[in-house]
């Protein structure tokens, strides 16, 4: 998941980003209201891509197998966003947590996502 997530964000590709999430996923950005559903999450992500070029590196910290179809994952993310308007660079570090669910096809999708800034 870390590799797929990093690739989608670093490509600034909200379509690829949407495909990481289950249709009923919930994403909880720090200090904001939860975003519900892959479509809403993708639209919110696209708003970020519209104002800056994002690039991240994502490293897994831990993956806890809950049962055959559920995994709780934790990753560290280092990144930056370069504003299109003036080239300002915003660097950041965060910890991401995911609750992943394996679908009938065997694909792991994000059901819940939260993160905090370091």
N, C-alpha and C. Protein backbone atom coordinates (compact mmCIF):
# COMPACT_ATOMS: atom_id res chain seq x y z
N UNK A 1 0.82 -1.19 0.00
CA UNK A 1 0.00 0.00 0.00
C UNK A 1 0.87 1.26 0.00
N UNK A 2 1.97 1.23 0.75
CA UNK A 2 2.85 2.40 0.79
C UNK A 2 3.34 2.77 -0.61
N UNK A 3 3.72 1.79 -1.40
CA UNK A 3 4.22 2.06 -2.75
C UNK A 3 3.12 2.62 -3.65
N UNK A 4 1.94 2.03 -3.59
CA UNK A 4 0.82 2.50 -4.42
C UNK A 4 0.39 3.90 -4.01
N UNK A 5 0.38 4.14 -2.70
CA UNK A 5 0.00 5.44 -2.17
C UNK A 5 1.01 6.50 -2.61
N UNK A 6 2.29 6.20 -2.43
CA UNK A 6 3.35 7.12 -2.82
C UNK A 6 3.28 7.43 -4.31
N UNK A 7 3.06 6.43 -5.13
CA UNK A 7 3.00 6.62 -6.58
C UNK A 7 1.83 7.53 -6.97
N UNK A 8 0.66 7.31 -6.39
CA UNK A 8 -0.51 8.12 -6.73
C UNK A 8 -0.33 9.58 -6.31
N UNK A 9 0.14 9.79 -5.08
CA UNK A 9 0.32 11.16 -4.59
C UNK A 9 1.43 11.86 -5.37
N UNK A 10 2.55 11.21 -5.56
CA UNK A 10 3.68 11.84 -6.25
C UNK A 10 3.40 12.11 -7.72
N UNK A 11 2.44 11.39 -8.29
CA UNK A 11 2.00 11.66 -9.67
C UNK A 11 0.90 12.71 -9.71
N UNK A 12 0.44 13.13 -8.51
CA UNK A 12 -0.67 14.08 -8.41
C UNK A 12 -1.86 13.58 -9.21
N UNK A 13 -2.16 12.31 -9.02
CA UNK A 13 -3.18 11.60 -9.79
C UNK A 13 -4.35 11.23 -8.88
N UNK A 14 -5.39 12.06 -8.87
CA UNK A 14 -6.53 11.80 -7.99
C UNK A 14 -7.34 10.58 -8.43
N UNK A 15 -7.25 10.20 -9.69
CA UNK A 15 -7.95 8.99 -10.17
C UNK A 15 -7.26 7.75 -9.58
N UNK A 16 -5.94 7.69 -9.66
CA UNK A 16 -5.19 6.57 -9.06
C UNK A 16 -5.37 6.59 -7.54
N UNK A 17 -5.38 7.77 -6.95
CA UNK A 17 -5.57 7.90 -5.51
C UNK A 17 -6.92 7.33 -5.10
N UNK A 18 -7.97 7.64 -5.85
CA UNK A 18 -9.32 7.15 -5.56
C UNK A 18 -9.36 5.62 -5.55
N UNK A 19 -8.61 5.00 -6.44
CA UNK A 19 -8.61 3.54 -6.56
C UNK A 19 -8.00 2.84 -5.36
N UNK A 20 -7.32 3.59 -4.48
CA UNK A 20 -6.76 3.01 -3.26
C UNK A 20 -7.81 2.81 -2.18
N UNK A 21 -8.97 3.46 -2.33
CA UNK A 21 -9.99 3.50 -1.29
C UNK A 21 -11.22 2.66 -1.64
N UNK A 22 -11.79 2.04 -0.62
CA UNK A 22 -13.08 1.35 -0.77
C UNK A 22 -14.15 2.41 -1.02
N UNK A 23 -15.22 2.02 -1.68
CA UNK A 23 -16.27 2.99 -1.99
C UNK A 23 -16.86 3.64 -0.74
N UNK A 24 -16.86 2.93 0.38
CA UNK A 24 -17.41 3.46 1.63
C UNK A 24 -16.32 3.90 2.61
N UNK A 25 -15.15 4.21 2.11
CA UNK A 25 -14.02 4.62 2.96
C UNK A 25 -14.32 5.93 3.69
N UNK A 26 -13.61 6.12 4.79
CA UNK A 26 -13.66 7.38 5.53
C UNK A 26 -12.22 7.84 5.73
N UNK A 27 -11.96 9.09 5.35
CA UNK A 27 -10.64 9.71 5.54
C UNK A 27 -10.82 10.88 6.50
N UNK A 28 -9.96 10.92 7.52
CA UNK A 28 -10.09 11.94 8.55
C UNK A 28 -8.84 12.81 8.56
N UNK A 29 -8.88 13.96 7.83
CA UNK A 29 -7.74 14.88 7.85
C UNK A 29 -7.64 15.56 9.22
N UNK A 30 -6.44 15.86 9.68
CA UNK A 30 -6.28 16.51 10.98
C UNK A 30 -7.04 17.84 11.05
N UNK A 31 -7.87 17.98 12.08
CA UNK A 31 -8.57 19.23 12.32
C UNK A 31 -9.75 19.50 11.40
N UNK A 32 -10.09 18.57 10.53
CA UNK A 32 -11.20 18.76 9.59
C UNK A 32 -12.26 17.69 9.79
N UNK A 33 -13.39 17.90 9.16
CA UNK A 33 -14.47 16.91 9.22
C UNK A 33 -14.08 15.68 8.38
N UNK A 34 -14.56 14.51 8.77
CA UNK A 34 -14.29 13.31 7.99
C UNK A 34 -14.84 13.43 6.56
N UNK A 35 -14.10 12.85 5.64
CA UNK A 35 -14.53 12.77 4.24
C UNK A 35 -15.04 11.35 4.03
N UNK A 36 -16.21 11.22 3.42
CA UNK A 36 -16.87 9.92 3.31
C UNK A 36 -17.02 9.49 1.85
N UNK A 37 -16.50 8.32 1.56
CA UNK A 37 -16.61 7.75 0.23
C UNK A 37 -15.43 8.10 -0.65
N UNK A 38 -15.09 7.17 -1.52
CA UNK A 38 -13.92 7.33 -2.39
C UNK A 38 -14.05 8.55 -3.30
N UNK A 39 -15.27 8.87 -3.75
CA UNK A 39 -15.45 10.02 -4.63
C UNK A 39 -15.16 11.33 -3.90
N UNK A 40 -15.69 11.50 -2.69
CA UNK A 40 -15.45 12.72 -1.91
C UNK A 40 -13.97 12.84 -1.56
N UNK A 41 -13.35 11.73 -1.19
CA UNK A 41 -11.93 11.73 -0.85
C UNK A 41 -11.09 12.15 -2.07
N UNK A 42 -11.40 11.62 -3.22
CA UNK A 42 -10.68 11.95 -4.44
C UNK A 42 -10.84 13.43 -4.81
N UNK A 43 -12.05 13.95 -4.67
CA UNK A 43 -12.28 15.37 -4.97
C UNK A 43 -11.49 16.27 -4.03
N UNK A 44 -11.44 15.91 -2.76
CA UNK A 44 -10.68 16.68 -1.79
C UNK A 44 -9.19 16.64 -2.12
N UNK A 45 -8.70 15.47 -2.49
CA UNK A 45 -7.28 15.31 -2.85
C UNK A 45 -6.96 16.15 -4.09
N UNK A 46 -7.86 16.16 -5.06
CA UNK A 46 -7.64 16.93 -6.28
C UNK A 46 -7.50 18.41 -5.98
N UNK A 47 -8.22 18.91 -4.98
CA UNK A 47 -8.09 20.33 -4.60
C UNK A 47 -6.65 20.64 -4.19
N UNK A 48 -6.00 19.71 -3.50
CA UNK A 48 -4.58 19.90 -3.14
C UNK A 48 -3.71 19.91 -4.39
N UNK A 49 -3.98 18.99 -5.32
CA UNK A 49 -3.18 18.90 -6.54
C UNK A 49 -3.38 20.12 -7.44
N UNK A 50 -4.52 20.79 -7.32
CA UNK A 50 -4.79 21.97 -8.15
C UNK A 50 -3.94 23.17 -7.75
N UNK A 51 -3.44 23.19 -6.53
CA UNK A 51 -2.69 24.36 -6.06
C UNK A 51 -1.19 24.11 -5.90
N UNK A 52 -0.77 22.83 -5.90
CA UNK A 52 0.64 22.53 -5.68
C UNK A 52 1.01 21.19 -6.29
N UNK A 53 2.30 21.04 -6.57
CA UNK A 53 2.87 19.76 -7.01
C UNK A 53 3.35 19.03 -5.77
N UNK A 54 2.79 17.86 -5.52
CA UNK A 54 3.09 17.07 -4.33
C UNK A 54 4.06 15.95 -4.67
N UNK A 55 4.98 15.67 -3.75
CA UNK A 55 5.89 14.53 -3.87
C UNK A 55 6.11 14.00 -2.46
N UNK A 56 5.96 12.67 -2.31
CA UNK A 56 6.14 12.07 -0.99
C UNK A 56 7.01 10.82 -1.08
N UNK A 57 7.55 10.44 0.07
CA UNK A 57 8.17 9.15 0.27
C UNK A 57 7.45 8.53 1.46
N UNK A 58 7.01 7.31 1.30
CA UNK A 58 6.22 6.63 2.32
C UNK A 58 6.95 5.36 2.75
N UNK A 59 7.11 5.20 4.09
CA UNK A 59 7.80 4.03 4.63
C UNK A 59 6.91 3.31 5.63
N UNK A 60 6.70 2.03 5.44
CA UNK A 60 5.89 1.30 6.43
C UNK A 60 6.61 1.23 7.78
N UNK A 61 5.85 1.40 8.83
CA UNK A 61 6.37 1.24 10.19
C UNK A 61 5.92 -0.10 10.76
N UNK A 62 4.63 -0.40 10.56
CA UNK A 62 4.09 -1.64 11.12
C UNK A 62 2.84 -2.04 10.36
N UNK A 63 2.56 -3.31 10.33
CA UNK A 63 1.33 -3.85 9.76
C UNK A 63 0.84 -4.93 10.72
N UNK A 64 -0.33 -4.74 11.23
CA UNK A 64 -0.91 -5.68 12.19
C UNK A 64 -2.06 -6.42 11.54
N UNK A 65 -1.90 -7.72 11.38
CA UNK A 65 -2.95 -8.55 10.80
C UNK A 65 -4.04 -8.75 11.84
N UNK A 66 -5.24 -8.24 11.54
CA UNK A 66 -6.36 -8.37 12.46
C UNK A 66 -7.05 -9.72 12.24
N UNK A 67 -7.30 -10.05 10.99
CA UNK A 67 -7.76 -11.38 10.59
C UNK A 67 -7.41 -11.55 9.12
N UNK A 68 -7.98 -12.55 8.46
CA UNK A 68 -7.60 -12.83 7.08
C UNK A 68 -7.83 -11.66 6.13
N UNK A 69 -8.84 -10.83 6.41
CA UNK A 69 -9.21 -9.78 5.47
C UNK A 69 -8.95 -8.36 5.96
N UNK A 70 -8.43 -8.19 7.16
CA UNK A 70 -8.23 -6.86 7.73
C UNK A 70 -6.79 -6.67 8.22
N UNK A 71 -6.22 -5.51 7.88
CA UNK A 71 -4.87 -5.16 8.31
C UNK A 71 -4.89 -3.70 8.78
N UNK A 72 -4.23 -3.45 9.89
CA UNK A 72 -4.02 -2.09 10.37
C UNK A 72 -2.59 -1.73 10.04
N UNK A 73 -2.40 -0.68 9.24
CA UNK A 73 -1.07 -0.29 8.81
C UNK A 73 -0.68 1.09 9.28
N UNK A 74 0.59 1.25 9.56
CA UNK A 74 1.14 2.53 10.00
C UNK A 74 2.35 2.84 9.11
N UNK A 75 2.43 4.07 8.64
CA UNK A 75 3.54 4.48 7.78
C UNK A 75 4.00 5.89 8.12
N UNK A 76 5.29 6.13 7.90
CA UNK A 76 5.83 7.49 7.99
C UNK A 76 5.90 8.07 6.58
N UNK A 77 5.61 9.34 6.48
CA UNK A 77 5.63 10.02 5.19
C UNK A 77 6.46 11.29 5.31
N UNK A 78 7.38 11.46 4.37
CA UNK A 78 8.13 12.71 4.20
C UNK A 78 7.70 13.27 2.85
N UNK A 79 7.44 14.55 2.81
CA UNK A 79 7.01 15.10 1.54
C UNK A 79 7.19 16.58 1.43
N UNK A 80 6.84 17.06 0.24
CA UNK A 80 6.80 18.50 0.03
C UNK A 80 5.75 18.82 -1.02
N UNK A 81 5.29 20.04 -0.93
CA UNK A 81 4.32 20.57 -1.89
C UNK A 81 4.89 21.89 -2.41
N UNK A 82 4.98 22.01 -3.72
CA UNK A 82 5.50 23.22 -4.34
C UNK A 82 4.31 23.97 -4.95
N UNK A 83 4.03 25.15 -4.40
CA UNK A 83 2.88 25.94 -4.85
C UNK A 83 3.07 26.40 -6.29
N UNK A 84 2.03 26.21 -7.10
CA UNK A 84 2.09 26.66 -8.48
C UNK A 84 2.14 28.18 -8.56
N UNK A 85 1.48 28.87 -7.64
CA UNK A 85 1.36 30.33 -7.68
C UNK A 85 2.70 31.04 -7.56
N UNK A 86 3.54 30.59 -6.62
CA UNK A 86 4.78 31.33 -6.38
C UNK A 86 6.01 30.45 -6.12
N UNK A 87 5.86 29.15 -6.23
CA UNK A 87 6.99 28.25 -6.04
C UNK A 87 7.37 27.98 -4.59
N UNK A 88 6.56 28.49 -3.65
CA UNK A 88 6.82 28.23 -2.24
C UNK A 88 6.81 26.74 -1.97
N UNK A 89 7.82 26.27 -1.22
CA UNK A 89 7.92 24.85 -0.89
C UNK A 89 7.50 24.64 0.55
N UNK A 90 6.55 23.75 0.75
CA UNK A 90 6.09 23.38 2.08
C UNK A 90 6.52 21.93 2.31
N UNK A 91 7.49 21.72 3.21
CA UNK A 91 7.93 20.36 3.54
C UNK A 91 7.18 19.88 4.77
N UNK A 92 6.95 18.57 4.84
CA UNK A 92 6.19 18.03 5.97
C UNK A 92 6.60 16.60 6.26
N UNK A 93 6.32 16.19 7.48
CA UNK A 93 6.48 14.81 7.94
C UNK A 93 5.18 14.43 8.62
N UNK A 94 4.71 13.23 8.36
CA UNK A 94 3.49 12.77 9.01
C UNK A 94 3.53 11.28 9.27
N UNK A 95 2.61 10.87 10.12
CA UNK A 95 2.38 9.45 10.36
C UNK A 95 0.98 9.15 9.86
N UNK A 96 0.88 8.19 8.94
CA UNK A 96 -0.41 7.76 8.38
C UNK A 96 -0.81 6.45 9.02
N UNK A 97 -2.10 6.31 9.27
CA UNK A 97 -2.63 5.02 9.70
C UNK A 97 -3.75 4.63 8.75
N UNK A 98 -3.78 3.36 8.43
CA UNK A 98 -4.79 2.83 7.52
C UNK A 98 -5.42 1.59 8.12
N UNK A 99 -6.70 1.46 7.92
CA UNK A 99 -7.39 0.20 8.15
C UNK A 99 -7.69 -0.32 6.75
N UNK A 100 -7.04 -1.42 6.39
CA UNK A 100 -7.14 -1.98 5.05
C UNK A 100 -8.02 -3.22 5.07
N UNK A 101 -8.82 -3.36 4.01
CA UNK A 101 -9.69 -4.53 3.88
C UNK A 101 -9.39 -5.21 2.55
N UNK A 102 -9.24 -6.53 2.61
CA UNK A 102 -9.00 -7.31 1.40
C UNK A 102 -10.36 -7.63 0.77
N UNK A 103 -10.51 -7.28 -0.50
CA UNK A 103 -11.76 -7.53 -1.21
C UNK A 103 -11.81 -8.98 -1.67
N UNK A 104 -12.93 -9.37 -2.24
CA UNK A 104 -13.09 -10.74 -2.75
C UNK A 104 -12.05 -11.06 -3.83
N UNK A 105 -11.61 -10.04 -4.57
CA UNK A 105 -10.61 -10.25 -5.61
C UNK A 105 -9.19 -10.34 -5.04
N UNK A 106 -9.05 -10.09 -3.74
CA UNK A 106 -7.74 -10.15 -3.10
C UNK A 106 -7.03 -8.81 -2.99
N UNK A 107 -7.63 -7.76 -3.55
CA UNK A 107 -7.02 -6.43 -3.50
C UNK A 107 -7.26 -5.79 -2.14
N UNK A 108 -6.23 -5.17 -1.59
CA UNK A 108 -6.38 -4.45 -0.33
C UNK A 108 -6.76 -3.00 -0.59
N UNK A 109 -7.85 -2.55 0.02
CA UNK A 109 -8.31 -1.17 -0.14
C UNK A 109 -8.38 -0.48 1.22
N UNK A 110 -8.19 0.82 1.20
CA UNK A 110 -8.27 1.60 2.43
C UNK A 110 -9.73 1.79 2.80
N UNK A 111 -10.08 1.38 4.02
CA UNK A 111 -11.42 1.63 4.56
C UNK A 111 -11.43 2.86 5.45
N UNK A 112 -10.31 3.06 6.18
CA UNK A 112 -10.17 4.23 7.06
C UNK A 112 -8.74 4.75 6.94
N UNK A 113 -8.63 6.08 6.95
CA UNK A 113 -7.30 6.70 6.90
C UNK A 113 -7.30 7.91 7.82
N UNK A 114 -6.26 7.99 8.65
CA UNK A 114 -6.04 9.15 9.50
C UNK A 114 -4.56 9.44 9.48
N UNK A 115 -4.20 10.68 9.81
CA UNK A 115 -2.78 11.03 9.92
C UNK A 115 -2.61 12.24 10.81
N UNK A 116 -1.38 12.40 11.25
CA UNK A 116 -1.02 13.57 12.04
C UNK A 116 0.30 14.12 11.54
N UNK A 117 0.47 15.41 11.71
CA UNK A 117 1.72 16.06 11.35
C UNK A 117 2.71 15.88 12.47
N UNK A 118 3.97 15.66 12.12
CA UNK A 118 5.02 15.52 13.15
C UNK A 118 5.63 16.86 13.43
